[in-house]
């Protein structure tokens, strides 16, 4: 996954890879990443995403202050059984 930013919606910064704490990209998949401004702390972001990592799956969330570096994923809802 990658992220970019724009101050004016016309010119964009170069893409940067997301860094998610304790997540090994080579050992899993994130199928989409729905990030929004945190309604409790507007200087941060929250993201929801389906996560498969090391043969297990869940619906997870993570937090960020800059949109590039994200906290360790926290499971909201685990999948039944093993994947992969």
PDB file of N, CA and C in Angstrom:
ATOM      1  N   UNK A   1       0.832  -1.169   0.000  1.00  0.00           N
ATOM      2  CA  UNK A   1       0.000   0.000   0.000  1.00  0.00           C
ATOM      3  C   UNK A   1       0.877   1.233   0.000  1.00  0.00           C
ATOM      4  N   UNK A   2       0.357   2.277  -0.612  1.00  0.00           N
ATOM      5  CA  UNK A   2       1.088   3.531  -0.720  1.00  0.00           C
ATOM      6  C   UNK A   2       0.168   4.696  -0.394  1.00  0.00           C
ATOM      7  N   UNK A   3       0.780   5.818  -0.077  1.00  0.00           N
ATOM      8  CA  UNK A   3       0.028   7.031   0.234  1.00  0.00           C
ATOM      9  C   UNK A   3       0.725   8.223  -0.411  1.00  0.00           C
ATOM     10  N   UNK A   4      -0.073   9.219  -0.768  1.00  0.00           N
ATOM     11  CA  UNK A   4       0.452  10.484  -1.256  1.00  0.00           C
ATOM     12  C   UNK A   4      -0.346  11.602  -0.601  1.00  0.00           C
ATOM     13  N   UNK A   5       0.082  12.841  -0.756  1.00  0.00           N
ATOM     14  CA  UNK A   5      -0.645  13.964  -0.172  1.00  0.00           C
ATOM     15  C   UNK A   5      -0.588  15.156  -1.103  1.00  0.00           C
ATOM     16  N   UNK A   6      -1.550  16.073  -0.882  1.00  0.00           N
ATOM     17  CA  UNK A   6      -1.625  17.287  -1.688  1.00  0.00           C
ATOM     18  C   UNK A   6      -2.192  18.408  -0.833  1.00  0.00           C
ATOM     19  N   UNK A   7      -1.600  19.576  -0.939  1.00  0.00           N
ATOM     20  CA  UNK A   7      -2.112  20.743  -0.226  1.00  0.00           C
ATOM     21  C   UNK A   7      -3.208  21.438  -1.028  1.00  0.00           C
ATOM     22  N   UNK A   8      -3.191  21.261  -2.355  1.00  0.00           N
ATOM     23  CA  UNK A   8      -4.131  21.996  -3.205  1.00  0.00           C
ATOM     24  C   UNK A   8      -4.994  21.113  -4.104  1.00  0.00           C
ATOM     25  N   UNK A   9      -4.801  19.789  -4.080  1.00  0.00           N
ATOM     26  CA  UNK A   9      -5.568  18.887  -4.920  1.00  0.00           C
ATOM     27  C   UNK A   9      -5.122  18.861  -6.368  1.00  0.00           C
ATOM     28  N   UNK A  10      -4.056  19.588  -6.692  1.00  0.00           N
ATOM     29  CA  UNK A  10      -3.540  19.655  -8.058  1.00  0.00           C
ATOM     30  C   UNK A  10      -2.150  19.033  -8.163  1.00  0.00           C
ATOM     31  N   UNK A  11      -1.273  19.410  -7.263  1.00  0.00           N
ATOM     32  CA  UNK A  11       0.077  18.848  -7.239  1.00  0.00           C
ATOM     33  C   UNK A  11       0.164  17.866  -6.077  1.00  0.00           C
ATOM     34  N   UNK A  12       0.872  16.759  -6.325  1.00  0.00           N
ATOM     35  CA  UNK A  12       0.916  15.673  -5.349  1.00  0.00           C
ATOM     36  C   UNK A  12       2.355  15.318  -4.994  1.00  0.00           C
ATOM     37  N   UNK A  13       2.571  14.947  -3.745  1.00  0.00           N
ATOM     38  CA  UNK A  13       3.874  14.480  -3.278  1.00  0.00           C
ATOM     39  C   UNK A  13       4.134  13.087  -3.851  1.00  0.00           C
ATOM     40  N   UNK A  14       5.395  12.655  -3.904  1.00  0.00           N
ATOM     41  CA  UNK A  14       5.689  11.280  -4.341  1.00  0.00           C
ATOM     42  C   UNK A  14       5.015  10.263  -3.417  1.00  0.00           C
ATOM     43  N   UNK A  15       4.640   9.122  -3.981  1.00  0.00           N
ATOM     44  CA  UNK A  15       4.062   8.049  -3.178  1.00  0.00           C
ATOM     45  C   UNK A  15       5.079   7.527  -2.179  1.00  0.00           C
ATOM     46  N   UNK A  16       4.573   7.126  -0.992  1.00  0.00           N
ATOM     47  CA  UNK A  16       5.386   6.500   0.045  1.00  0.00           C
ATOM     48  C   UNK A  16       4.690   5.205   0.478  1.00  0.00           C
ATOM     49  N   UNK A  17       5.459   4.184   0.752  1.00  0.00           N
ATOM     50  CA  UNK A  17       4.890   2.938   1.269  1.00  0.00           C
ATOM     51  C   UNK A  17       4.434   3.141   2.709  1.00  0.00           C
ATOM     52  N   UNK A  18       3.284   2.563   3.060  1.00  0.00           N
ATOM     53  CA  UNK A  18       2.828   2.606   4.441  1.00  0.00           C
ATOM     54  C   UNK A  18       3.709   1.710   5.305  1.00  0.00           C
ATOM     55  N   UNK A  19       3.962   2.133   6.515  1.00  0.00           N
ATOM     56  CA  UNK A  19       4.695   1.335   7.497  1.00  0.00           C
ATOM     57  C   UNK A  19       3.720   1.009   8.623  1.00  0.00           C
ATOM     58  N   UNK A  20       3.434  -0.284   8.807  1.00  0.00           N
ATOM     59  CA  UNK A  20       2.504  -0.732   9.831  1.00  0.00           C
ATOM     60  C   UNK A  20       3.292  -1.541  10.864  1.00  0.00           C
ATOM     61  N   UNK A  21       3.274  -1.091  12.099  1.00  0.00           N
ATOM     62  CA  UNK A  21       4.046  -1.743  13.163  1.00  0.00           C
ATOM     63  C   UNK A  21       3.670  -3.213  13.300  1.00  0.00           C
ATOM     64  N   UNK A  22       4.660  -4.071  13.442  1.00  0.00           N
ATOM     65  CA  UNK A  22       4.492  -5.518  13.653  1.00  0.00           C
ATOM     66  C   UNK A  22       3.791  -6.234  12.501  1.00  0.00           C
ATOM     67  N   UNK A  23       3.798  -5.652  11.307  1.00  0.00           N
ATOM     68  CA  UNK A  23       3.183  -6.296  10.147  1.00  0.00           C
ATOM     69  C   UNK A  23       4.248  -6.542   9.092  1.00  0.00           C
ATOM     70  N   UNK A  24       4.434  -7.808   8.745  1.00  0.00           N
ATOM     71  CA  UNK A  24       5.410  -8.181   7.719  1.00  0.00           C
ATOM     72  C   UNK A  24       4.681  -8.298   6.385  1.00  0.00           C
ATOM     73  N   UNK A  25       4.895  -7.328   5.481  1.00  0.00           N
ATOM     74  CA  UNK A  25       4.204  -7.298   4.191  1.00  0.00           C
ATOM     75  C   UNK A  25       4.392  -8.595   3.409  1.00  0.00           C
ATOM     76  N   UNK A  26       5.542  -9.218   3.519  1.00  0.00           N
ATOM     77  CA  UNK A  26       5.811 -10.442   2.759  1.00  0.00           C
ATOM     78  C   UNK A  26       5.049 -11.640   3.326  1.00  0.00           C
ATOM     79  N   UNK A  27       4.465 -11.506   4.518  1.00  0.00           N
ATOM     80  CA  UNK A  27       3.783 -12.626   5.159  1.00  0.00           C
ATOM     81  C   UNK A  27       2.282 -12.422   5.269  1.00  0.00           C
ATOM     82  N   UNK A  28       1.712 -11.491   4.495  1.00  0.00           N
ATOM     83  CA  UNK A  28       0.282 -11.263   4.613  1.00  0.00           C
ATOM     84  C   UNK A  28      -0.271 -10.395   3.508  1.00  0.00           C
ATOM     85  N   UNK A  29      -1.558 -10.078   3.641  1.00  0.00           N
ATOM     86  CA  UNK A  29      -2.260  -9.247   2.672  1.00  0.00           C
ATOM     87  C   UNK A  29      -3.216  -8.307   3.384  1.00  0.00           C
ATOM     88  N   UNK A  30      -3.274  -7.088   2.894  1.00  0.00           N
ATOM     89  CA  UNK A  30      -4.306  -6.137   3.282  1.00  0.00           C
ATOM     90  C   UNK A  30      -5.013  -5.783   1.983  1.00  0.00           C
ATOM     91  N   UNK A  31      -6.319  -6.037   1.934  1.00  0.00           N
ATOM     92  CA  UNK A  31      -7.040  -5.948   0.677  1.00  0.00           C
ATOM     93  C   UNK A  31      -7.511  -4.536   0.354  1.00  0.00           C
ATOM     94  N   UNK A  32      -7.807  -3.737   1.332  1.00  0.00           N
ATOM     95  CA  UNK A  32      -8.047  -2.304   1.165  1.00  0.00           C
ATOM     96  C   UNK A  32      -7.828  -1.648   2.513  1.00  0.00           C
ATOM     97  N   UNK A  33      -7.682  -0.351   2.513  1.00  0.00           N
ATOM     98  CA  UNK A  33      -7.317   0.396   3.711  1.00  0.00           C
ATOM     99  C   UNK A  33      -8.202   1.635   3.756  1.00  0.00           C
ATOM    100  N   UNK A  34      -9.220   1.645   4.603  1.00  0.00           N
ATOM    101  CA  UNK A  34     -10.182   2.749   4.682  1.00  0.00           C
ATOM    102  C   UNK A  34      -9.772   3.686   5.820  1.00  0.00           C
ATOM    103  N   UNK A  35      -9.056   4.752   5.495  1.00  0.00           N
ATOM    104  CA  UNK A  35      -8.550   5.698   6.502  1.00  0.00           C
ATOM    105  C   UNK A  35      -9.417   6.950   6.540  1.00  0.00           C
ATOM    106  N   UNK A  36      -9.657   7.442   7.758  1.00  0.00           N
ATOM    107  CA  UNK A  36     -10.458   8.646   7.986  1.00  0.00           C
ATOM    108  C   UNK A  36      -9.841   9.445   9.128  1.00  0.00           C
ATOM    109  N   UNK A  37     -10.208  10.721   9.209  1.00  0.00           N
ATOM    110  CA  UNK A  37      -9.808  11.531  10.355  1.00  0.00           C
ATOM    111  C   UNK A  37     -10.475  10.947  11.600  1.00  0.00           C
ATOM    112  N   UNK A  38      -9.707  10.838  12.677  1.00  0.00           N
ATOM    113  CA  UNK A  38     -10.207  10.322  13.946  1.00  0.00           C
ATOM    114  C   UNK A  38     -11.205  11.327  14.526  1.00  0.00           C
ATOM    115  N   UNK A  39     -12.478  10.950  14.738  1.00  0.00           N
ATOM    116  CA  UNK A  39     -13.459  11.910  15.254  1.00  0.00           C
ATOM    117  C   UNK A  39     -13.210  12.325  16.702  1.00  0.00           C
ATOM    118  N   UNK A  40     -12.397  11.569  17.422  1.00  0.00           N
ATOM    119  CA  UNK A  40     -12.088  11.893  18.820  1.00  0.00           C
ATOM    120  C   UNK A  40     -10.860  12.784  18.932  1.00  0.00           C
ATOM    121  N   UNK A  41      -9.885  12.588  18.028  1.00  0.00           N
ATOM    122  CA  UNK A  41      -8.644  13.361  18.032  1.00  0.00           C
ATOM    123  C   UNK A  41      -8.316  13.720  16.587  1.00  0.00           C
ATOM    124  N   UNK A  42      -8.742  14.888  16.139  1.00  0.00           N
ATOM    125  CA  UNK A  42      -8.659  15.260  14.729  1.00  0.00           C
ATOM    126  C   UNK A  42      -7.241  15.403  14.187  1.00  0.00           C
ATOM    127  N   UNK A  43      -6.242  15.379  15.050  1.00  0.00           N
ATOM    128  CA  UNK A  43      -4.855  15.419  14.585  1.00  0.00           C
ATOM    129  C   UNK A  43      -4.327  14.023  14.268  1.00  0.00           C
ATOM    130  N   UNK A  44      -5.202  13.022  14.294  1.00  0.00           N
ATOM    131  CA  UNK A  44      -4.791  11.645  13.989  1.00  0.00           C
ATOM    132  C   UNK A  44      -5.775  11.002  13.014  1.00  0.00           C
ATOM    133  N   UNK A  45      -5.399   9.827  12.520  1.00  0.00           N
ATOM    134  CA  UNK A  45      -6.221   9.071  11.575  1.00  0.00           C
ATOM    135  C   UNK A  45      -6.519   7.693  12.141  1.00  0.00           C
ATOM    136  N   UNK A  46      -7.651   7.133  11.735  1.00  0.00           N
ATOM    137  CA  UNK A  46      -8.010   5.747  12.028  1.00  0.00           C
ATOM    138  C   UNK A  46      -8.231   5.035  10.706  1.00  0.00           C
ATOM    139  N   UNK A  47      -7.886   3.760  10.636  1.00  0.00           N
ATOM    140  CA  UNK A  47      -8.127   2.978   9.428  1.00  0.00           C
ATOM    141  C   UNK A  47      -8.726   1.634   9.799  1.00  0.00           C
ATOM    142  N   UNK A  48      -9.689   1.191   9.005  1.00  0.00           N
ATOM    143  CA  UNK A  48     -10.259  -0.150   9.089  1.00  0.00           C
ATOM    144  C   UNK A  48      -9.820  -0.920   7.862  1.00  0.00           C
ATOM    145  N   UNK A  49      -9.511  -2.215   8.040  1.00  0.00           N
ATOM    146  CA  UNK A  49      -9.050  -2.993   6.894  1.00  0.00           C
ATOM    147  C   UNK A  49      -9.132  -4.488   7.187  1.00  0.00           C
ATOM    148  N   UNK A  50      -9.465  -5.293   6.150  1.00  0.00           N
ATOM    149  CA  UNK A  50      -9.380  -6.741   6.295  1.00  0.00           C
ATOM    150  C   UNK A  50      -7.917  -7.150   6.191  1.00  0.00           C
ATOM    151  N   UNK A  51      -7.466  -7.958   7.122  1.00  0.00           N
ATOM    152  CA  UNK A  51      -6.050  -8.311   7.228  1.00  0.00           C
ATOM    153  C   UNK A  51      -5.880  -9.823   7.250  1.00  0.00           C
ATOM    154  N   UNK A  52      -4.998 -10.315   6.413  1.00  0.00           N
ATOM    155  CA  UNK A  52      -4.547 -11.709   6.476  1.00  0.00           C
ATOM    156  C   UNK A  52      -3.059 -11.639   6.752  1.00  0.00           C
ATOM    157  N   UNK A  53      -2.615 -12.305   7.821  1.00  0.00           N
ATOM    158  CA  UNK A  53      -1.205 -12.239   8.207  1.00  0.00           C
ATOM    159  C   UNK A  53      -0.808 -13.559   8.840  1.00  0.00           C
ATOM    160  N   UNK A  54       0.204 -14.198   8.248  1.00  0.00           N
ATOM    161  CA  UNK A  54       0.728 -15.460   8.763  1.00  0.00           C
ATOM    162  C   UNK A  54      -0.364 -16.516   8.922  1.00  0.00           C
ATOM    163  N   UNK A  55      -1.277 -16.582   7.920  1.00  0.00           N
ATOM    164  CA  UNK A  55      -2.291 -17.623   7.902  1.00  0.00           C
ATOM    165  C   UNK A  55      -3.530 -17.368   8.730  1.00  0.00           C
ATOM    166  N   UNK A  56      -3.661 -16.207   9.334  1.00  0.00           N
ATOM    167  CA  UNK A  56      -4.836 -15.870  10.138  1.00  0.00           C
ATOM    168  C   UNK A  56      -5.457 -14.602   9.574  1.00  0.00           C
ATOM    169  N   UNK A  57      -6.756 -14.421   9.790  1.00  0.00           N
ATOM    170  CA  UNK A  57      -7.429 -13.254   9.230  1.00  0.00           C
ATOM    171  C   UNK A  57      -8.322 -12.552  10.233  1.00  0.00           C
ATOM    172  N   UNK A  58      -8.554 -11.257   9.985  1.00  0.00           N
ATOM    173  CA  UNK A  58      -9.444 -10.490  10.846  1.00  0.00           C
ATOM    174  C   UNK A  58      -9.810  -9.169  10.169  1.00  0.00           C
ATOM    175  N   UNK A  59     -10.795  -8.507  10.733  1.00  0.00           N
ATOM    176  CA  UNK A  59     -11.058  -7.113  10.431  1.00  0.00           C
ATOM    177  C   UNK A  59     -10.304  -6.336  11.497  1.00  0.00           C
ATOM    178  N   UNK A  60      -9.413  -5.446  11.075  1.00  0.00           N
ATOM    179  CA  UNK A  60      -8.523  -4.765  12.023  1.00  0.00           C
ATOM    180  C   UNK A  60      -8.647  -3.253  11.915  1.00  0.00           C
ATOM    181  N   UNK A  61      -8.092  -2.558  12.903  1.00  0.00           N
ATOM    182  CA  UNK A  61      -7.950  -1.113  12.821  1.00  0.00           C
ATOM    183  C   UNK A  61      -6.554  -0.722  13.279  1.00  0.00           C
ATOM    184  N   UNK A  62      -6.115   0.450  12.832  1.00  0.00           N
ATOM    185  CA  UNK A  62      -4.820   1.006  13.241  1.00  0.00           C
ATOM    186  C   UNK A  62      -4.956   2.525  13.283  1.00  0.00           C
ATOM    187  N   UNK A  63      -4.017   3.178  13.956  1.00  0.00           N
ATOM    188  CA  UNK A  63      -4.014   4.632  14.115  1.00  0.00           C
ATOM    189  C   UNK A  63      -2.717   5.218  13.570  1.00  0.00           C
ATOM    190  N   UNK A  64      -2.777   6.492  13.156  1.00  0.00           N
ATOM    191  CA  UNK A  64      -1.596   7.177  12.636  1.00  0.00           C
ATOM    192  C   UNK A  64      -1.709   8.666  12.906  1.00  0.00           C
ATOM    193  N   UNK A  65      -0.569   9.304  13.040  1.00  0.00           N
ATOM    194  CA  UNK A  65      -0.539  10.773  13.145  1.00  0.00           C
ATOM    195  C   UNK A  65      -0.159  11.427  11.823  1.00  0.00           C
ATOM    196  N   UNK A  66       0.508  10.663  10.922  1.00  0.00           N
ATOM    197  CA  UNK A  66       0.985  11.267   9.677  1.00  0.00           C
ATOM    198  C   UNK A  66       0.473  10.578   8.406  1.00  0.00           C
ATOM    199  N   UNK A  67      -0.281   9.491   8.543  1.00  0.00           N
ATOM    200  CA  UNK A  67      -0.801   8.781   7.381  1.00  0.00           C
ATOM    201  C   UNK A  67       0.196   7.846   6.718  1.00  0.00           C
ATOM    202  N   UNK A  68       1.437   7.834   7.182  1.00  0.00           N
ATOM    203  CA  UNK A  68       2.475   6.958   6.631  1.00  0.00           C
ATOM    204  C   UNK A  68       2.829   5.869   7.643  1.00  0.00           C
ATOM    205  N   UNK A  69       3.117   6.249   8.867  1.00  0.00           N
ATOM    206  CA  UNK A  69       3.456   5.288   9.933  1.00  0.00           C
ATOM    207  C   UNK A  69       2.190   4.977  10.734  1.00  0.00           C
ATOM    208  N   UNK A  70       1.858   3.676  10.833  1.00  0.00           N
ATOM    209  CA  UNK A  70       0.634   3.237  11.479  1.00  0.00           C
ATOM    210  C   UNK A  70       0.943   2.339  12.667  1.00  0.00           C
ATOM    211  N   UNK A  71       0.060   2.348  13.644  1.00  0.00           N
ATOM    212  CA  UNK A  71       0.218   1.508  14.830  1.00  0.00           C
ATOM    213  C   UNK A  71       0.053   0.039  14.475  1.00  0.00           C
ATOM    214  N   UNK A  72       0.375  -0.801  15.418  1.00  0.00           N
ATOM    215  CA  UNK A  72       0.164  -2.246  15.277  1.00  0.00           C
ATOM    216  C   UNK A  72      -1.327  -2.491  15.058  1.00  0.00           C
ATOM    217  N   UNK A  73      -1.693  -3.336  14.086  1.00  0.00           N
ATOM    218  CA  UNK A  73      -3.110  -3.634  13.859  1.00  0.00           C
ATOM    219  C   UNK A  73      -3.748  -4.296  15.080  1.00  0.00           C
ATOM    220  N   UNK A  74      -4.948  -3.868  15.388  1.00  0.00           N
ATOM    221  CA  UNK A  74      -5.723  -4.455  16.481  1.00  0.00           C
ATOM    222  C   UNK A  74      -6.950  -5.123  15.866  1.00  0.00           C
ATOM    223  N   UNK A  75      -7.189  -6.380  16.204  1.00  0.00           N
ATOM    224  CA  UNK A  75      -8.310  -7.133  15.647  1.00  0.00           C
ATOM    225  C   UNK A  75      -9.628  -6.661  16.258  1.00  0.00           C
ATOM    226  N   UNK A  76     -10.596  -6.361  15.389  1.00  0.00           N
ATOM    227  CA  UNK A  76     -11.948  -6.067  15.839  1.00  0.00           C
ATOM    228  C   UNK A  76     -12.830  -7.306  15.746  1.00  0.00           C
ATOM    229  N   UNK A  77     -12.598  -8.097  14.709  1.00  0.00           N
ATOM    230  CA  UNK A  77     -13.387  -9.298  14.465  1.00  0.00           C
ATOM    231  C   UNK A  77     -12.506 -10.325  13.776  1.00  0.00           C
ATOM    232  N   UNK A  78     -12.297 -11.459  14.419  1.00  0.00           N
ATOM    233  CA  UNK A  78     -11.454 -12.511  13.847  1.00  0.00           C
ATOM    234  C   UNK A  78     -12.257 -13.365  12.879  1.00  0.00           C
ATOM    235  N   UNK A  79     -11.548 -13.955  11.902  1.00  0.00           N
ATOM    236  CA  UNK A  79     -12.138 -14.913  10.972  1.00  0.00           C
ATOM    237  C   UNK A  79     -12.158 -16.282  11.623  1.00  0.00           C
ATOM    238  N   UNK A  80     -13.103 -17.108  11.218  1.00  0.00           N
ATOM    239  CA  UNK A  80     -13.153 -18.491  11.667  1.00  0.00           C
ATOM    240  C   UNK A  80     -12.121 -19.306  10.907  1.00  0.00           C
ATOM    241  N   UNK A  81     -11.395 -20.180  11.574  1.00  0.00           N
ATOM    242  CA  UNK A  81     -10.481 -21.100  10.916  1.00  0.00           C
ATOM    243  C   UNK A  81      -9.195 -20.456  10.449  1.00  0.00           C
ATOM    244  N   UNK A  82      -8.377 -21.261   9.830  1.00  0.00           N
ATOM    245  CA  UNK A  82      -7.072 -20.851   9.308  1.00  0.00           C
ATOM    246  C   UNK A  82      -7.182 -20.496   7.832  1.00  0.00           C
ATOM    247  N   UNK A  83      -6.405 -19.543   7.388  1.00  0.00           N
ATOM    248  CA  UNK A  83      -6.331 -19.173   5.975  1.00  0.00           C
ATOM    249  C   UNK A  83      -5.052 -19.737   5.372  1.00  0.00           C
ATOM    250  N   UNK A  84      -5.037 -19.823   4.069  1.00  0.00           N
ATOM    251  CA  UNK A  84      -3.817 -20.107   3.352  1.00  0.00           C
ATOM    252  C   UNK A  84      -3.450 -21.511   3.204  1.00  0.00           C
TER     253      UNK A  84
END
